[in-house]
Amino acid sequence: MDMNDEVYFISDAHLGSRTQLGEREKEARLCAFLRALRGRARALYIVGDFFDFWFEYRSVVPRVGGKALFELYNLTSSGTRVVYLGGNHDFWLGSYLSEEVGIRIYAEPIEVEHDGLRIFLAHGDEYSGDAKYRLLRRVLHHRFSAHLFRVLHPDLGALLARWASRASGEANPDCDLSLFRERYAKTAQKKFDEGFDAVVFGHLHSPLLRERDGKSLLVLGDWVRHFSYAMLKARRFSMLRWEGEGC
């Protein structure tokens, strides 16, 4: 089947963040969405926090999101290019996802081109104005921190990860939204001045599409409450909600 020219963008599914029943419902909807992309999507960009936590030991991977990974494998096998940017919950992405699932992994913001449009993608937590958070982010992203974590037994590591996730919450407090959106708008304008046509962020769990003078700023929302995603087709962006049920 010939591939269409549709390009998709999602973020913040936070697989593993809910109770067992809640996770089954969320993952089922996500899997139905991923199946629907087969034969339609030229590319899918996952802009961070697909997992609520992810860490690969040398011979162990987390027991979370297996059905979604199966659908992502089928998607890459069908010819769709799947690109995954690490977020602030799943920044320790490793070779398992690239070697076994066929996903292209990036730890930092990237730029891509589709339909002649230059697109800048970043999870978005990089633009926090909190100096303590920026310092913590640098420490956690350091290779030595990953080495120390690998010393822990996987069950203990998973327990600590769940505790850290609950402490940070599934989404940013409402009071942070306007401040983050202001920073996103300033960052996007800088990228527009550099010649980019679109800027895509995740992290805020609140979908947004703002278009002006042929430039597009997108915040992707989440798959926790909004089940939102963006689509690029014929040089036009759309912000959509997955209305189909899981199965």
C-alpha atoms as a PDB file:
ATOM      1  CA  MET A   1       0.000   0.000   0.000  1.00  0.00           C
ATOM      2  CA  ASP A   2       1.355   3.419  -0.904  1.00  0.00           C
ATOM      3  CA  MET A   3       2.066   5.744   1.980  1.00  0.00           C
ATOM      4  CA  ASN A   4       0.167   8.986   2.222  1.00  0.00           C
ATOM      5  CA  ASP A   5       1.872  12.306   2.854  1.00  0.00           C
ATOM      6  CA  GLU A   6       0.507  12.624   6.389  1.00  0.00           C
ATOM      7  CA  VAL A   7       2.925  13.318   9.250  1.00  0.00           C
ATOM      8  CA  TYR A   8       1.800  12.887  12.868  1.00  0.00           C
ATOM      9  CA  PHE A   9       2.982  14.282  16.194  1.00  0.00           C
ATOM     10  CA  ILE A  10       2.112  13.114  19.741  1.00  0.00           C
ATOM     11  CA  SER A  11       3.538  13.577  23.232  1.00  0.00           C
ATOM     12  CA  ASP A  12       2.957  12.869  26.908  1.00  0.00           C
ATOM     13  CA  ALA A  13       1.217   9.511  26.982  1.00  0.00           C
ATOM     14  CA  HIS A  14       2.941   8.779  30.321  1.00  0.00           C
ATOM     15  CA  LEU A  15       2.460   5.030  30.005  1.00  0.00           C
ATOM     16  CA  GLY A  16       2.780   3.471  33.432  1.00  0.00           C
ATOM     17  CA  SER A  17       1.509   6.463  35.407  1.00  0.00           C
ATOM     18  CA  ARG A  18      -1.976   5.231  36.316  1.00  0.00           C
ATOM     19  CA  THR A  19      -3.670   2.325  38.069  1.00  0.00           C
ATOM     20  CA  GLN A  20      -3.770  -0.981  36.206  1.00  0.00           C
ATOM     21  CA  LEU A  21      -7.320  -0.401  34.952  1.00  0.00           C
ATOM     22  CA  GLY A  22      -6.591   3.172  33.901  1.00  0.00           C
ATOM     23  CA  GLU A  23      -3.451   2.065  32.089  1.00  0.00           C
ATOM     24  CA  ARG A  24      -5.314  -0.612  30.138  1.00  0.00           C
ATOM     25  CA  GLU A  25      -7.894   1.891  28.916  1.00  0.00           C
ATOM     26  CA  LYS A  26      -5.297   4.511  27.994  1.00  0.00           C
ATOM     27  CA  GLU A  27      -2.971   2.071  26.253  1.00  0.00           C
ATOM     28  CA  ALA A  28      -5.883   0.523  24.343  1.00  0.00           C
ATOM     29  CA  ARG A  29      -6.823   3.935  22.908  1.00  0.00           C
ATOM     30  CA  LEU A  30      -3.200   4.672  22.072  1.00  0.00           C
ATOM     31  CA  CYS A  31      -2.791   1.307  20.346  1.00  0.00           C
ATOM     32  CA  ALA A  32      -5.941   1.877  18.275  1.00  0.00           C
ATOM     33  CA  PHE A  33      -4.525   5.233  17.172  1.00  0.00           C
ATOM     34  CA  LEU A  34      -1.168   3.692  16.223  1.00  0.00           C
ATOM     35  CA  ARG A  35      -2.881   0.928  14.235  1.00  0.00           C
ATOM     36  CA  ALA A  36      -4.865   3.554  12.346  1.00  0.00           C
ATOM     37  CA  LEU A  37      -1.613   5.164  11.145  1.00  0.00           C
ATOM     38  CA  ARG A  38      -0.440   2.063   9.268  1.00  0.00           C
ATOM     39  CA  GLY A  39      -0.548   2.734   5.550  1.00  0.00           C
ATOM     40  CA  ARG A  40      -1.327   6.426   6.168  1.00  0.00           C
ATOM     41  CA  ALA A  41       1.593   8.003   8.009  1.00  0.00           C
ATOM     42  CA  ARG A  42       4.857   8.883   6.381  1.00  0.00           C
ATOM     43  CA  ALA A  43       6.289   9.717   9.810  1.00  0.00           C
ATOM     44  CA  LEU A  44       5.299   9.786  13.473  1.00  0.00           C
ATOM     45  CA  TYR A  45       7.113  12.036  15.942  1.00  0.00           C
ATOM     46  CA  ILE A  46       6.852  11.228  19.649  1.00  0.00           C
ATOM     47  CA  VAL A  47       7.851  14.467  21.368  1.00  0.00           C
ATOM     48  CA  GLY A  48       8.699  13.149  24.817  1.00  0.00           C
ATOM     49  CA  ASP A  49       7.171  11.397  27.834  1.00  0.00           C
ATOM     50  CA  PHE A  50       5.664   8.481  25.932  1.00  0.00           C
ATOM     51  CA  PHE A  51       6.522   6.555  29.089  1.00  0.00           C
ATOM     52  CA  ASP A  52       6.141   7.898  32.605  1.00  0.00           C
ATOM     53  CA  PHE A  53       9.566   6.359  33.188  1.00  0.00           C
ATOM     54  CA  TRP A  54      11.973   4.365  31.037  1.00  0.00           C
ATOM     55  CA  PHE A  55      15.369   2.927  31.878  1.00  0.00           C
ATOM     56  CA  GLU A  56      17.202   0.082  30.199  1.00  0.00           C
ATOM     57  CA  TYR A  57      19.474  -2.159  32.188  1.00  0.00           C
ATOM     58  CA  ARG A  58      21.923  -4.325  30.272  1.00  0.00           C
ATOM     59  CA  SER A  59      19.502  -7.258  30.191  1.00  0.00           C
ATOM     60  CA  VAL A  60      16.230  -5.807  31.545  1.00  0.00           C
ATOM     61  CA  VAL A  61      13.697  -3.306  30.193  1.00  0.00           C
ATOM     62  CA  PRO A  62      10.626  -1.911  32.020  1.00  0.00           C
ATOM     63  CA  ARG A  63       7.462  -3.991  32.114  1.00  0.00           C
ATOM     64  CA  VAL A  64       5.236  -1.224  30.790  1.00  0.00           C
ATOM     65  CA  GLY A  65       3.688  -0.295  27.456  1.00  0.00           C
ATOM     66  CA  GLY A  66       4.331  -3.655  25.799  1.00  0.00           C
ATOM     67  CA  LYS A  67       1.240  -3.482  23.589  1.00  0.00           C
ATOM     68  CA  ALA A  68       2.098   0.050  22.472  1.00  0.00           C
ATOM     69  CA  LEU A  69       5.643  -1.031  21.622  1.00  0.00           C
ATOM     70  CA  PHE A  70       4.203  -3.904  19.585  1.00  0.00           C
ATOM     71  CA  GLU A  71       2.103  -1.415  17.594  1.00  0.00           C
ATOM     72  CA  LEU A  72       5.104   0.871  17.131  1.00  0.00           C
ATOM     73  CA  TYR A  73       7.101  -2.101  15.823  1.00  0.00           C
ATOM     74  CA  ASN A  74       4.323  -2.889  13.347  1.00  0.00           C
ATOM     75  CA  LEU A  75       4.272   0.768  12.331  1.00  0.00           C
ATOM     76  CA  THR A  76       8.009   0.944  11.652  1.00  0.00           C
ATOM     77  CA  SER A  77       7.826  -2.418   9.846  1.00  0.00           C
ATOM     78  CA  SER A  78       5.105  -1.018   7.586  1.00  0.00           C
ATOM     79  CA  GLY A  79       7.458   1.749   6.444  1.00  0.00           C
ATOM     80  CA  THR A  80       6.525   4.639   8.738  1.00  0.00           C
ATOM     81  CA  ARG A  81       9.481   6.554  10.132  1.00  0.00           C
ATOM     82  CA  VAL A  82       9.055   6.791  13.918  1.00  0.00           C
ATOM     83  CA  VAL A  83      11.174   9.350  15.783  1.00  0.00           C
ATOM     84  CA  TYR A  84      11.237   9.592  19.579  1.00  0.00           C
ATOM     85  CA  LEU A  85      12.574  12.589  21.533  1.00  0.00           C
ATOM     86  CA  GLY A  86      13.208  11.963  25.196  1.00  0.00           C
ATOM     87  CA  GLY A  87      11.190  14.083  27.620  1.00  0.00           C
ATOM     88  CA  ASN A  88      11.633  14.907  31.301  1.00  0.00           C
ATOM     89  CA  HIS A  89      10.186  11.532  32.382  1.00  0.00           C
ATOM     90  CA  ASP A  90      11.790   9.234  29.800  1.00  0.00           C
ATOM     91  CA  PHE A  91      15.138  10.877  29.061  1.00  0.00           C
ATOM     92  CA  TRP A  92      17.103   7.647  29.693  1.00  0.00           C
ATOM     93  CA  LEU A  93      16.127   6.056  26.400  1.00  0.00           C
ATOM     94  CA  GLY A  94      18.417   3.294  25.194  1.00  0.00           C
ATOM     95  CA  SER A  95      19.275   0.995  22.335  1.00  0.00           C
ATOM     96  CA  TYR A  96      16.444  -1.494  22.918  1.00  0.00           C
ATOM     97  CA  LEU A  97      13.872   0.803  21.334  1.00  0.00           C
ATOM     98  CA  SER A  98      16.025   1.491  18.304  1.00  0.00           C
ATOM     99  CA  GLU A  99      17.391  -2.019  17.755  1.00  0.00           C
ATOM    100  CA  GLU A 100      14.271  -4.061  18.574  1.00  0.00           C
ATOM    101  CA  VAL A 101      11.425  -1.681  17.713  1.00  0.00           C
ATOM    102  CA  GLY A 102      13.017   0.322  14.902  1.00  0.00           C
ATOM    103  CA  ILE A 103      12.510   3.763  16.456  1.00  0.00           C
ATOM    104  CA  ARG A 104      14.989   6.589  15.938  1.00  0.00           C
ATOM    105  CA  ILE A 105      15.968   8.041  19.309  1.00  0.00           C
ATOM    106  CA  TYR A 106      17.123  11.591  20.062  1.00  0.00           C
ATOM    107  CA  ALA A 107      18.052  13.080  23.431  1.00  0.00           C
ATOM    108  CA  GLU A 108      17.952  16.717  22.328  1.00  0.00           C
ATOM    109  CA  PRO A 109      15.665  18.946  20.215  1.00  0.00           C
ATOM    110  CA  ILE A 110      15.823  18.269  16.482  1.00  0.00           C
ATOM    111  CA  GLU A 111      14.915  19.944  13.223  1.00  0.00           C
ATOM    112  CA  VAL A 112      13.252  18.116  10.344  1.00  0.00           C
ATOM    113  CA  GLU A 113      11.801  19.021   6.958  1.00  0.00           C
ATOM    114  CA  HIS A 114       8.514  17.886   5.439  1.00  0.00           C
ATOM    115  CA  ASP A 115       6.776  19.276   2.374  1.00  0.00           C
ATOM    116  CA  GLY A 116       9.415  21.994   2.185  1.00  0.00           C
ATOM    117  CA  LEU A 117       8.641  23.167   5.741  1.00  0.00           C
ATOM    118  CA  ARG A 118      11.416  23.481   8.319  1.00  0.00           C
ATOM    119  CA  ILE A 119      10.131  22.169  11.663  1.00  0.00           C
ATOM    120  CA  PHE A 120      11.780  22.492  15.076  1.00  0.00           C
ATOM    121  CA  LEU A 121      10.786  19.893  17.702  1.00  0.00           C
ATOM    122  CA  ALA A 122      11.529  19.900  21.439  1.00  0.00           C
ATOM    123  CA  HIS A 123       9.826  18.361  24.450  1.00  0.00           C
ATOM    124  CA  GLY A 124       9.802  21.788  26.100  1.00  0.00           C
ATOM    125  CA  ASP A 125      11.030  21.274  29.656  1.00  0.00           C
ATOM    126  CA  GLU A 126      14.366  22.619  28.400  1.00  0.00           C
ATOM    127  CA  TYR A 127      12.834  26.090  28.527  1.00  0.00           C
ATOM    128  CA  SER A 128      11.926  26.098  32.205  1.00  0.00           C
ATOM    129  CA  GLY A 129      12.894  29.364  33.863  1.00  0.00           C
ATOM    130  CA  ASP A 130      13.642  27.600  37.165  1.00  0.00           C
ATOM    131  CA  ALA A 131      17.402  27.555  37.772  1.00  0.00           C
ATOM    132  CA  LYS A 132      17.155  24.646  40.242  1.00  0.00           C
ATOM    133  CA  TYR A 133      15.236  22.568  37.720  1.00  0.00           C
ATOM    134  CA  ARG A 134      17.773  23.303  34.981  1.00  0.00           C
ATOM    135  CA  LEU A 135      20.588  22.200  37.297  1.00  0.00           C
ATOM    136  CA  LEU A 136      18.707  19.028  38.269  1.00  0.00           C
ATOM    137  CA  ARG A 137      18.060  18.323  34.594  1.00  0.00           C
ATOM    138  CA  ARG A 138      21.769  18.538  33.778  1.00  0.00           C
ATOM    139  CA  VAL A 139      22.620  16.217  36.666  1.00  0.00           C
ATOM    140  CA  LEU A 140      20.011  13.612  35.756  1.00  0.00           C
ATOM    141  CA  HIS A 141      20.979  13.617  32.086  1.00  0.00           C
ATOM    142  CA  HIS A 142      24.634  13.011  32.894  1.00  0.00           C
ATOM    143  CA  ARG A 143      26.029   9.575  32.023  1.00  0.00           C
ATOM    144  CA  PHE A 144      27.338   9.124  35.559  1.00  0.00           C
ATOM    145  CA  SER A 145      23.806   9.423  36.957  1.00  0.00           C
ATOM    146  CA  ALA A 146      22.635   6.656  34.626  1.00  0.00           C
ATOM    147  CA  HIS A 147      25.587   4.526  35.721  1.00  0.00           C
ATOM    148  CA  LEU A 148      24.655   4.981  39.397  1.00  0.00           C
ATOM    149  CA  PHE A 149      21.008   4.124  38.708  1.00  0.00           C
ATOM    150  CA  ARG A 150      22.046   0.968  36.879  1.00  0.00           C
ATOM    151  CA  VAL A 151      23.640  -0.312  40.100  1.00  0.00           C
ATOM    152  CA  LEU A 152      20.173  -0.514  41.692  1.00  0.00           C
ATOM    153  CA  HIS A 153      18.040  -3.627  41.386  1.00  0.00           C
ATOM    154  CA  PRO A 154      15.420  -3.011  38.623  1.00  0.00           C
ATOM    155  CA  ASP A 155      12.505  -3.413  41.081  1.00  0.00           C
ATOM    156  CA  LEU A 156      14.002  -0.790  43.405  1.00  0.00           C
ATOM    157  CA  GLY A 157      14.715   1.490  40.447  1.00  0.00           C
ATOM    158  CA  ALA A 158      11.101   1.190  39.284  1.00  0.00           C
ATOM    159  CA  LEU A 159       9.849   1.983  42.802  1.00  0.00           C
ATOM    160  CA  LEU A 160      11.971   5.125  42.988  1.00  0.00           C
ATOM    161  CA  ALA A 161      10.799   6.133  39.515  1.00  0.00           C
ATOM    162  CA  ARG A 162       7.125   5.824  40.509  1.00  0.00           C
ATOM    163  CA  TRP A 163       7.738   7.915  43.608  1.00  0.00           C
ATOM    164  CA  ALA A 164       9.499  10.625  41.582  1.00  0.00           C
ATOM    165  CA  SER A 165       6.702  10.632  39.018  1.00  0.00           C
ATOM    166  CA  ARG A 166       4.004  11.055  41.669  1.00  0.00           C
ATOM    167  CA  ALA A 167       5.979  13.896  43.208  1.00  0.00           C
ATOM    168  CA  SER A 168       6.151  15.779  39.928  1.00  0.00           C
ATOM    169  CA  GLY A 169       2.518  15.022  38.987  1.00  0.00           C
ATOM    170  CA  GLU A 170       1.034  13.932  35.676  1.00  0.00           C
ATOM    171  CA  ALA A 171       0.817  17.487  34.417  1.00  0.00           C
ATOM    172  CA  ASN A 172       2.068  20.949  35.187  1.00  0.00           C
ATOM    173  CA  PRO A 173      -0.013  23.059  37.593  1.00  0.00           C
ATOM    174  CA  ASP A 174      -2.449  25.388  35.841  1.00  0.00           C
ATOM    175  CA  CYS A 175      -0.546  28.404  37.185  1.00  0.00           C
ATOM    176  CA  ASP A 176       2.478  27.400  35.123  1.00  0.00           C
ATOM    177  CA  LEU A 177       0.650  27.182  31.797  1.00  0.00           C
ATOM    178  CA  SER A 178       0.611  30.874  30.937  1.00  0.00           C
ATOM    179  CA  LEU A 179       4.251  31.300  31.944  1.00  0.00           C
ATOM    180  CA  PHE A 180       5.394  28.299  29.943  1.00  0.00           C
ATOM    181  CA  ARG A 181       3.316  29.358  26.940  1.00  0.00           C
ATOM    182  CA  GLU A 182       4.988  32.768  27.068  1.00  0.00           C
ATOM    183  CA  ARG A 183       8.415  31.120  27.037  1.00  0.00           C
ATOM    184  CA  TYR A 184       7.314  28.814  24.233  1.00  0.00           C
ATOM    185  CA  ALA A 185       6.098  31.804  22.203  1.00  0.00           C
ATOM    186  CA  LYS A 186       9.423  33.624  22.672  1.00  0.00           C
ATOM    187  CA  THR A 187      11.411  30.524  21.756  1.00  0.00           C
ATOM    188  CA  ALA A 188       9.206  29.911  18.730  1.00  0.00           C
ATOM    189  CA  GLN A 189       9.690  33.493  17.532  1.00  0.00           C
ATOM    190  CA  LYS A 190      13.463  33.057  17.707  1.00  0.00           C
ATOM    191  CA  LYS A 191      13.153  29.903  15.621  1.00  0.00           C
ATOM    192  CA  PHE A 192      10.884  31.675  13.132  1.00  0.00           C
ATOM    193  CA  ASP A 193      13.519  34.404  12.829  1.00  0.00           C
ATOM    194  CA  GLU A 194      16.052  31.643  12.053  1.00  0.00           C
ATOM    195  CA  GLY A 195      13.891  30.487   9.156  1.00  0.00           C
ATOM    196  CA  PHE A 196      11.790  27.737  10.686  1.00  0.00           C
ATOM    197  CA  ASP A 197       8.197  27.423   9.525  1.00  0.00           C
ATOM    198  CA  ALA A 198       6.856  25.517  12.541  1.00  0.00           C
ATOM    199  CA  VAL A 199       7.797  24.832  16.149  1.00  0.00           C
ATOM    200  CA  VAL A 200       6.400  21.804  18.010  1.00  0.00           C
ATOM    201  CA  PHE A 201       6.474  21.331  21.797  1.00  0.00           C
ATOM    202  CA  GLY A 202       5.086  18.830  24.286  1.00  0.00           C
ATOM    203  CA  HIS A 203       5.289  18.886  28.089  1.00  0.00           C
ATOM    204  CA  LEU A 204       2.359  21.173  28.956  1.00  0.00           C
ATOM    205  CA  HIS A 205      -0.434  18.576  28.550  1.00  0.00           C
ATOM    206  CA  SER A 206      -2.590  21.339  27.047  1.00  0.00           C
ATOM    207  CA  PRO A 207      -3.071  21.329  23.237  1.00  0.00           C
ATOM    208  CA  LEU A 208      -2.522  24.527  21.297  1.00  0.00           C
ATOM    209  CA  LEU A 209      -2.216  25.484  17.628  1.00  0.00           C
ATOM    210  CA  ARG A 210      -1.334  29.095  16.878  1.00  0.00           C
ATOM    211  CA  GLU A 211      -0.811  30.234  13.279  1.00  0.00           C
ATOM    212  CA  ARG A 212       0.293  33.659  12.105  1.00  0.00           C
ATOM    213  CA  ASP A 213       1.972  34.950   8.944  1.00  0.00           C
ATOM    214  CA  GLY A 214       2.481  31.434   7.629  1.00  0.00           C
ATOM    215  CA  LYS A 215       4.202  30.250  10.835  1.00  0.00           C
ATOM    216  CA  SER A 216       2.831  27.594  13.199  1.00  0.00           C
ATOM    217  CA  LEU A 217       3.350  27.040  16.927  1.00  0.00           C
ATOM    218  CA  LEU A 218       2.045  23.723  18.242  1.00  0.00           C
ATOM    219  CA  VAL A 219       1.781  22.348  21.776  1.00  0.00           C
ATOM    220  CA  LEU A 220       0.686  18.743  21.484  1.00  0.00           C
ATOM    221  CA  GLY A 221      -1.371  18.168  24.606  1.00  0.00           C
ATOM    222  CA  ASP A 222      -1.347  14.632  26.019  1.00  0.00           C
ATOM    223  CA  TRP A 223      -2.791  11.108  26.066  1.00  0.00           C
ATOM    224  CA  VAL A 224      -3.717  11.344  29.729  1.00  0.00           C
ATOM    225  CA  ARG A 225      -6.776  13.616  29.456  1.00  0.00           C
ATOM    226  CA  HIS A 226      -6.937  15.124  25.970  1.00  0.00           C
ATOM    227  CA  PHE A 227      -5.882  12.236  23.663  1.00  0.00           C
ATOM    228  CA  SER A 228      -4.682  14.906  21.258  1.00  0.00           C
ATOM    229  CA  TYR A 229      -2.308  14.801  18.307  1.00  0.00           C
ATOM    230  CA  ALA A 230      -1.202  16.989  15.429  1.00  0.00           C
ATOM    231  CA  MET A 231      -1.208  16.139  11.745  1.00  0.00           C
ATOM    232  CA  LEU A 232       0.635  17.769   8.851  1.00  0.00           C
ATOM    233  CA  LYS A 233      -0.910  17.262   5.434  1.00  0.00           C
ATOM    234  CA  ALA A 234      -0.504  19.336   2.268  1.00  0.00           C
ATOM    235  CA  ARG A 235       1.621  21.858   4.218  1.00  0.00           C
ATOM    236  CA  ARG A 236      -1.182  22.498   6.742  1.00  0.00           C
ATOM    237  CA  PHE A 237      -1.180  21.590  10.436  1.00  0.00           C
ATOM    238  CA  SER A 238      -4.254  20.380  12.298  1.00  0.00           C
ATOM    239  CA  MET A 239      -4.674  19.778  16.026  1.00  0.00           C
ATOM    240  CA  LEU A 240      -6.989  16.808  16.527  1.00  0.00           C
ATOM    241  CA  ARG A 241      -8.415  14.551  19.235  1.00  0.00           C
ATOM    242  CA  TRP A 242      -8.560  10.763  18.940  1.00  0.00           C
ATOM    243  CA  GLU A 243     -12.245   9.952  19.251  1.00  0.00           C
ATOM    244  CA  GLY A 244     -11.981   6.256  18.545  1.00  0.00           C
ATOM    245  CA  GLU A 245     -12.180   3.863  21.446  1.00  0.00           C
ATOM    246  CA  GLY A 246      -9.492   1.349  22.273  1.00  0.00           C
ATOM    247  CA  CYS A 247      -9.891  -2.308  21.511  1.00  0.00           C
END
